[in-house]
Amino acid sequence: MGKNVTNRMTLMSKSVDDEILKAMRAFRGIAKSQNYSCSALCNLAVNANNRMLLMSKGADDEILKAMKAFPLHAEIQSCSCGALCNVAVNADNQVSLMSKSTDNEILEAM
């Protein structure tokens, strides 16, 4: 659904990102939920405007928590790295991510 620009913008305007983040917090221990959530955030973060908004809402923190909760879950690690990659296209986000040692989490995922 979020694979085109219009859909991504529409989803964000309806606060789908907030619902995804709520689900990540509510179902922290459920791998499938974390995997789908990271995948959705990865998709939403392709859009430049969404990147900053997602970071301002703490999406990076939730992604990192999913990575730490499921260190051996290949799909979660893959979707998480993809989401962080998309968010990191923005220079300000790169600085913020590096201040949280995100690089270490990515290296551990490899």
N, C-alpha and C. Protein backbone atom coordinates (compact mmCIF):
# COMPACT_ATOMS: atom_id res chain seq x y z
N MET A 1 0.82 -1.19 0.00
CA MET A 1 0.00 0.00 0.00
C MET A 1 0.86 1.25 0.00
N GLY A 2 1.94 1.28 0.76
CA GLY A 2 2.74 2.48 0.85
C GLY A 2 3.84 2.58 -0.18
N LYS A 3 3.75 1.83 -1.26
CA LYS A 3 4.85 1.78 -2.20
C LYS A 3 4.84 2.89 -3.23
N ASN A 4 3.91 3.81 -3.20
CA ASN A 4 4.05 4.97 -4.08
C ASN A 4 3.97 6.24 -3.26
N VAL A 5 4.45 7.31 -3.84
CA VAL A 5 4.60 8.58 -3.12
C VAL A 5 3.28 9.06 -2.53
N THR A 6 2.23 9.02 -3.33
CA THR A 6 0.93 9.50 -2.87
C THR A 6 0.44 8.68 -1.68
N ASN A 7 0.58 7.38 -1.77
CA ASN A 7 0.14 6.53 -0.65
C ASN A 7 0.92 6.82 0.62
N ARG A 8 2.23 7.01 0.50
CA ARG A 8 3.04 7.31 1.69
C ARG A 8 2.59 8.60 2.35
N MET A 9 2.33 9.62 1.53
CA MET A 9 1.90 10.91 2.07
C MET A 9 0.52 10.80 2.71
N THR A 10 -0.38 10.06 2.06
CA THR A 10 -1.73 9.86 2.60
C THR A 10 -1.67 9.12 3.93
N LEU A 11 -0.88 8.08 3.99
CA LEU A 11 -0.76 7.30 5.22
C LEU A 11 -0.22 8.16 6.36
N MET A 12 0.78 8.97 6.07
CA MET A 12 1.34 9.84 7.11
C MET A 12 0.33 10.91 7.55
N SER A 13 -0.44 11.41 6.61
CA SER A 13 -1.44 12.43 6.97
C SER A 13 -2.53 11.85 7.87
N LYS A 14 -2.68 10.55 7.83
CA LYS A 14 -3.67 9.88 8.68
C LYS A 14 -3.04 9.31 9.95
N SER A 15 -1.81 9.73 10.21
CA SER A 15 -1.07 9.33 11.42
C SER A 15 -0.87 7.82 11.54
N VAL A 16 -0.71 7.16 10.42
CA VAL A 16 -0.43 5.72 10.45
C VAL A 16 0.88 5.45 11.18
N ASP A 17 1.82 6.37 11.03
CA ASP A 17 3.09 6.20 11.73
C ASP A 17 2.90 6.13 13.24
N ASP A 18 1.99 6.94 13.76
CA ASP A 18 1.71 6.90 15.21
C ASP A 18 1.16 5.55 15.62
N GLU A 19 0.30 5.00 14.79
CA GLU A 19 -0.29 3.69 15.10
C GLU A 19 0.77 2.59 15.03
N ILE A 20 1.67 2.70 14.07
CA ILE A 20 2.76 1.72 13.97
C ILE A 20 3.62 1.77 15.22
N LEU A 21 3.99 2.98 15.63
CA LEU A 21 4.82 3.13 16.82
C LEU A 21 4.11 2.64 18.08
N LYS A 22 2.81 2.88 18.17
CA LYS A 22 2.03 2.37 19.31
C LYS A 22 2.05 0.84 19.33
N ALA A 23 1.90 0.25 18.15
CA ALA A 23 1.92 -1.22 18.06
C ALA A 23 3.28 -1.77 18.46
N MET A 24 4.34 -1.08 18.06
CA MET A 24 5.68 -1.54 18.43
C MET A 24 5.86 -1.52 19.95
N ARG A 25 5.32 -0.51 20.59
CA ARG A 25 5.43 -0.40 22.05
C ARG A 25 4.54 -1.42 22.75
N ALA A 26 3.35 -1.62 22.23
CA ALA A 26 2.39 -2.53 22.87
C ALA A 26 2.75 -4.00 22.67
N PHE A 27 3.38 -4.31 21.54
CA PHE A 27 3.67 -5.71 21.22
C PHE A 27 5.18 -5.92 21.07
N ARG A 28 5.92 -5.31 21.98
CA ARG A 28 7.38 -5.34 21.91
C ARG A 28 7.96 -6.75 21.82
N GLY A 29 7.34 -7.70 22.48
CA GLY A 29 7.87 -9.05 22.52
C GLY A 29 7.39 -9.96 21.40
N ILE A 30 6.64 -9.44 20.47
CA ILE A 30 6.09 -10.27 19.39
C ILE A 30 6.86 -9.98 18.10
N ALA A 31 7.64 -10.96 17.68
CA ALA A 31 8.54 -10.78 16.55
C ALA A 31 7.81 -10.37 15.27
N LYS A 32 6.72 -11.02 14.99
CA LYS A 32 6.00 -10.72 13.75
C LYS A 32 5.53 -9.27 13.72
N SER A 33 5.04 -8.77 14.83
CA SER A 33 4.60 -7.39 14.93
C SER A 33 5.76 -6.42 14.72
N GLN A 34 6.89 -6.72 15.35
CA GLN A 34 8.07 -5.87 15.21
C GLN A 34 8.58 -5.89 13.77
N ASN A 35 8.56 -7.05 13.17
CA ASN A 35 9.02 -7.19 11.79
C ASN A 35 8.16 -6.37 10.83
N TYR A 36 6.85 -6.54 10.92
CA TYR A 36 5.96 -5.78 10.04
C TYR A 36 6.05 -4.28 10.30
N SER A 37 6.19 -3.91 11.55
CA SER A 37 6.30 -2.49 11.89
C SER A 37 7.57 -1.88 11.32
N CYS A 38 8.69 -2.58 11.46
CA CYS A 38 9.95 -2.07 10.90
C CYS A 38 9.87 -1.99 9.38
N SER A 39 9.22 -2.96 8.78
CA SER A 39 9.05 -2.95 7.33
C SER A 39 8.21 -1.76 6.88
N ALA A 40 7.14 -1.49 7.61
CA ALA A 40 6.28 -0.35 7.27
C ALA A 40 7.03 0.96 7.45
N LEU A 41 7.79 1.09 8.54
CA LEU A 41 8.56 2.31 8.76
C LEU A 41 9.63 2.48 7.68
N CYS A 42 10.22 1.38 7.27
CA CYS A 42 11.20 1.42 6.18
C CYS A 42 10.56 2.00 4.93
N ASN A 43 9.38 1.54 4.62
CA ASN A 43 8.66 1.99 3.44
C ASN A 43 8.28 3.46 3.56
N LEU A 44 7.77 3.86 4.70
CA LEU A 44 7.36 5.26 4.89
C LEU A 44 8.56 6.20 4.84
N ALA A 45 9.72 5.74 5.30
CA ALA A 45 10.91 6.59 5.39
C ALA A 45 11.58 6.83 4.04
N VAL A 46 11.04 6.25 2.98
CA VAL A 46 11.57 6.54 1.65
C VAL A 46 11.31 8.00 1.29
N ASN A 47 10.21 8.54 1.78
CA ASN A 47 9.83 9.93 1.51
C ASN A 47 10.64 10.89 2.39
N ALA A 48 11.21 11.92 1.78
CA ALA A 48 12.09 12.86 2.49
C ALA A 48 11.38 13.55 3.66
N ASN A 49 10.15 13.99 3.46
CA ASN A 49 9.41 14.66 4.54
C ASN A 49 9.13 13.71 5.69
N ASN A 50 8.85 12.47 5.35
CA ASN A 50 8.53 11.48 6.38
C ASN A 50 9.74 11.17 7.25
N ARG A 51 10.93 11.23 6.68
CA ARG A 51 12.15 10.89 7.43
C ARG A 51 12.27 11.74 8.69
N MET A 52 12.13 13.04 8.52
CA MET A 52 12.27 13.95 9.66
C MET A 52 11.14 13.74 10.67
N LEU A 53 9.93 13.56 10.17
CA LEU A 53 8.79 13.37 11.05
C LEU A 53 8.94 12.09 11.86
N LEU A 54 9.36 11.01 11.20
CA LEU A 54 9.55 9.75 11.91
C LEU A 54 10.61 9.88 13.00
N MET A 55 11.69 10.56 12.69
CA MET A 55 12.74 10.77 13.69
C MET A 55 12.22 11.59 14.87
N SER A 56 11.42 12.61 14.58
CA SER A 56 10.91 13.47 15.65
C SER A 56 9.96 12.71 16.57
N LYS A 57 9.40 11.62 16.08
CA LYS A 57 8.48 10.82 16.88
C LYS A 57 9.16 9.62 17.54
N GLY A 58 10.47 9.51 17.37
CA GLY A 58 11.20 8.44 18.03
C GLY A 58 11.17 7.10 17.31
N ALA A 59 10.89 7.11 16.02
CA ALA A 59 10.85 5.85 15.27
C ALA A 59 12.20 5.14 15.32
N ASP A 60 13.27 5.90 15.28
CA ASP A 60 14.60 5.29 15.34
C ASP A 60 14.80 4.52 16.64
N ASP A 61 14.31 5.08 17.73
CA ASP A 61 14.44 4.39 19.02
C ASP A 61 13.66 3.08 19.03
N GLU A 62 12.47 3.10 18.47
CA GLU A 62 11.66 1.87 18.42
C GLU A 62 12.30 0.82 17.51
N ILE A 63 12.87 1.28 16.43
CA ILE A 63 13.57 0.35 15.51
C ILE A 63 14.75 -0.29 16.23
N LEU A 64 15.52 0.52 16.93
CA LEU A 64 16.67 -0.01 17.67
C LEU A 64 16.24 -0.98 18.77
N LYS A 65 15.13 -0.68 19.43
CA LYS A 65 14.62 -1.61 20.45
C LYS A 65 14.23 -2.94 19.84
N ALA A 66 13.64 -2.91 18.65
CA ALA A 66 13.28 -4.16 17.96
C ALA A 66 14.54 -4.95 17.61
N MET A 67 15.57 -4.25 17.17
CA MET A 67 16.83 -4.93 16.83
C MET A 67 17.43 -5.60 18.07
N LYS A 68 17.39 -4.89 19.19
CA LYS A 68 17.97 -5.43 20.43
C LYS A 68 17.13 -6.57 21.00
N ALA A 69 15.81 -6.49 20.82
CA ALA A 69 14.93 -7.53 21.36
C ALA A 69 15.03 -8.83 20.58
N PHE A 70 15.36 -8.74 19.31
CA PHE A 70 15.41 -9.93 18.45
C PHE A 70 16.71 -9.97 17.66
N PRO A 71 17.84 -10.12 18.36
CA PRO A 71 19.13 -10.04 17.68
C PRO A 71 19.39 -11.16 16.67
N LEU A 72 18.70 -12.27 16.80
CA LEU A 72 18.92 -13.39 15.89
C LEU A 72 17.81 -13.56 14.86
N HIS A 73 16.89 -12.63 14.81
CA HIS A 73 15.77 -12.69 13.87
C HIS A 73 16.17 -11.95 12.58
N ALA A 74 16.52 -12.72 11.55
CA ALA A 74 17.09 -12.15 10.33
C ALA A 74 16.15 -11.13 9.66
N GLU A 75 14.87 -11.42 9.63
CA GLU A 75 13.94 -10.49 8.97
C GLU A 75 13.83 -9.17 9.71
N ILE A 76 13.78 -9.22 11.03
CA ILE A 76 13.71 -7.99 11.81
C ILE A 76 15.00 -7.19 11.62
N GLN A 77 16.12 -7.86 11.66
CA GLN A 77 17.39 -7.16 11.47
C GLN A 77 17.45 -6.53 10.08
N SER A 78 16.99 -7.25 9.09
CA SER A 78 17.00 -6.73 7.71
C SER A 78 16.07 -5.52 7.55
N CYS A 79 14.84 -5.64 8.02
CA CYS A 79 13.88 -4.54 7.92
C CYS A 79 14.33 -3.34 8.73
N SER A 80 14.91 -3.60 9.90
CA SER A 80 15.40 -2.52 10.74
C SER A 80 16.54 -1.77 10.08
N CYS A 81 17.48 -2.51 9.53
CA CYS A 81 18.59 -1.87 8.83
C CYS A 81 18.09 -1.06 7.64
N GLY A 82 17.11 -1.60 6.92
CA GLY A 82 16.54 -0.86 5.80
C GLY A 82 15.86 0.42 6.24
N ALA A 83 15.12 0.35 7.34
CA ALA A 83 14.45 1.54 7.86
C ALA A 83 15.46 2.58 8.30
N LEU A 84 16.50 2.15 9.01
CA LEU A 84 17.53 3.08 9.46
C LEU A 84 18.28 3.68 8.28
N CYS A 85 18.50 2.87 7.27
CA CYS A 85 19.16 3.36 6.06
C CYS A 85 18.33 4.46 5.41
N ASN A 86 17.03 4.24 5.30
CA ASN A 86 16.17 5.25 4.67
C ASN A 86 16.10 6.52 5.50
N VAL A 87 16.01 6.38 6.81
CA VAL A 87 15.95 7.55 7.69
C VAL A 87 17.27 8.32 7.62
N ALA A 88 18.37 7.60 7.47
CA ALA A 88 19.70 8.22 7.50
C ALA A 88 20.06 8.96 6.21
N VAL A 89 19.20 8.97 5.23
CA VAL A 89 19.49 9.73 4.01
C VAL A 89 19.58 11.22 4.35
N ASN A 90 18.89 11.64 5.39
CA ASN A 90 18.90 13.03 5.84
C ASN A 90 20.14 13.28 6.72
N ALA A 91 20.88 14.34 6.43
CA ALA A 91 22.13 14.62 7.15
C ALA A 91 21.91 14.85 8.65
N ASP A 92 20.87 15.58 9.02
CA ASP A 92 20.58 15.81 10.44
C ASP A 92 20.26 14.50 11.14
N ASN A 93 19.54 13.64 10.46
CA ASN A 93 19.22 12.33 11.04
C ASN A 93 20.47 11.49 11.24
N GLN A 94 21.43 11.62 10.33
CA GLN A 94 22.68 10.86 10.46
C GLN A 94 23.38 11.21 11.76
N VAL A 95 23.45 12.50 12.06
CA VAL A 95 24.09 12.96 13.30
C VAL A 95 23.37 12.38 14.51
N SER A 96 22.06 12.46 14.49
CA SER A 96 21.27 11.93 15.61
C SER A 96 21.46 10.43 15.77
N LEU A 97 21.44 9.70 14.67
CA LEU A 97 21.61 8.25 14.71
C LEU A 97 22.99 7.87 15.24
N MET A 98 24.01 8.58 14.80
CA MET A 98 25.36 8.26 15.25
C MET A 98 25.54 8.57 16.73
N SER A 99 24.83 9.57 17.23
CA SER A 99 24.93 9.90 18.65
C SER A 99 24.33 8.78 19.52
N LYS A 100 23.52 7.94 18.91
CA LYS A 100 22.89 6.82 19.63
C LYS A 100 23.60 5.50 19.37
N SER A 101 24.79 5.58 18.76
CA SER A 101 25.58 4.39 18.42
C SER A 101 24.81 3.41 17.55
N THR A 102 24.00 3.94 16.67
CA THR A 102 23.24 3.11 15.75
C THR A 102 24.15 2.26 14.88
N ASP A 103 25.33 2.78 14.58
CA ASP A 103 26.28 2.02 13.77
C ASP A 103 26.64 0.69 14.42
N ASN A 104 26.74 0.68 15.74
CA ASN A 104 27.05 -0.57 16.45
C ASN A 104 25.94 -1.59 16.29
N GLU A 105 24.69 -1.13 16.37
CA GLU A 105 23.56 -2.06 16.20
C GLU A 105 23.54 -2.63 14.78
N ILE A 106 23.83 -1.80 13.81
CA ILE A 106 23.85 -2.26 12.42
C ILE A 106 24.98 -3.28 12.24
N LEU A 107 26.14 -2.99 12.80
CA LEU A 107 27.25 -3.94 12.68
C LEU A 107 26.93 -5.27 13.35
N GLU A 108 26.25 -5.22 14.50
CA GLU A 108 25.87 -6.46 15.17
C GLU A 108 24.85 -7.25 14.36
N ALA A 109 24.05 -6.57 13.58
CA ALA A 109 23.03 -7.24 12.77
C ALA A 109 23.65 -8.01 11.61
N MET A 110 24.85 -7.64 11.23
CA MET A 110 25.49 -8.27 10.06
C MET A 110 26.04 -9.62 10.34
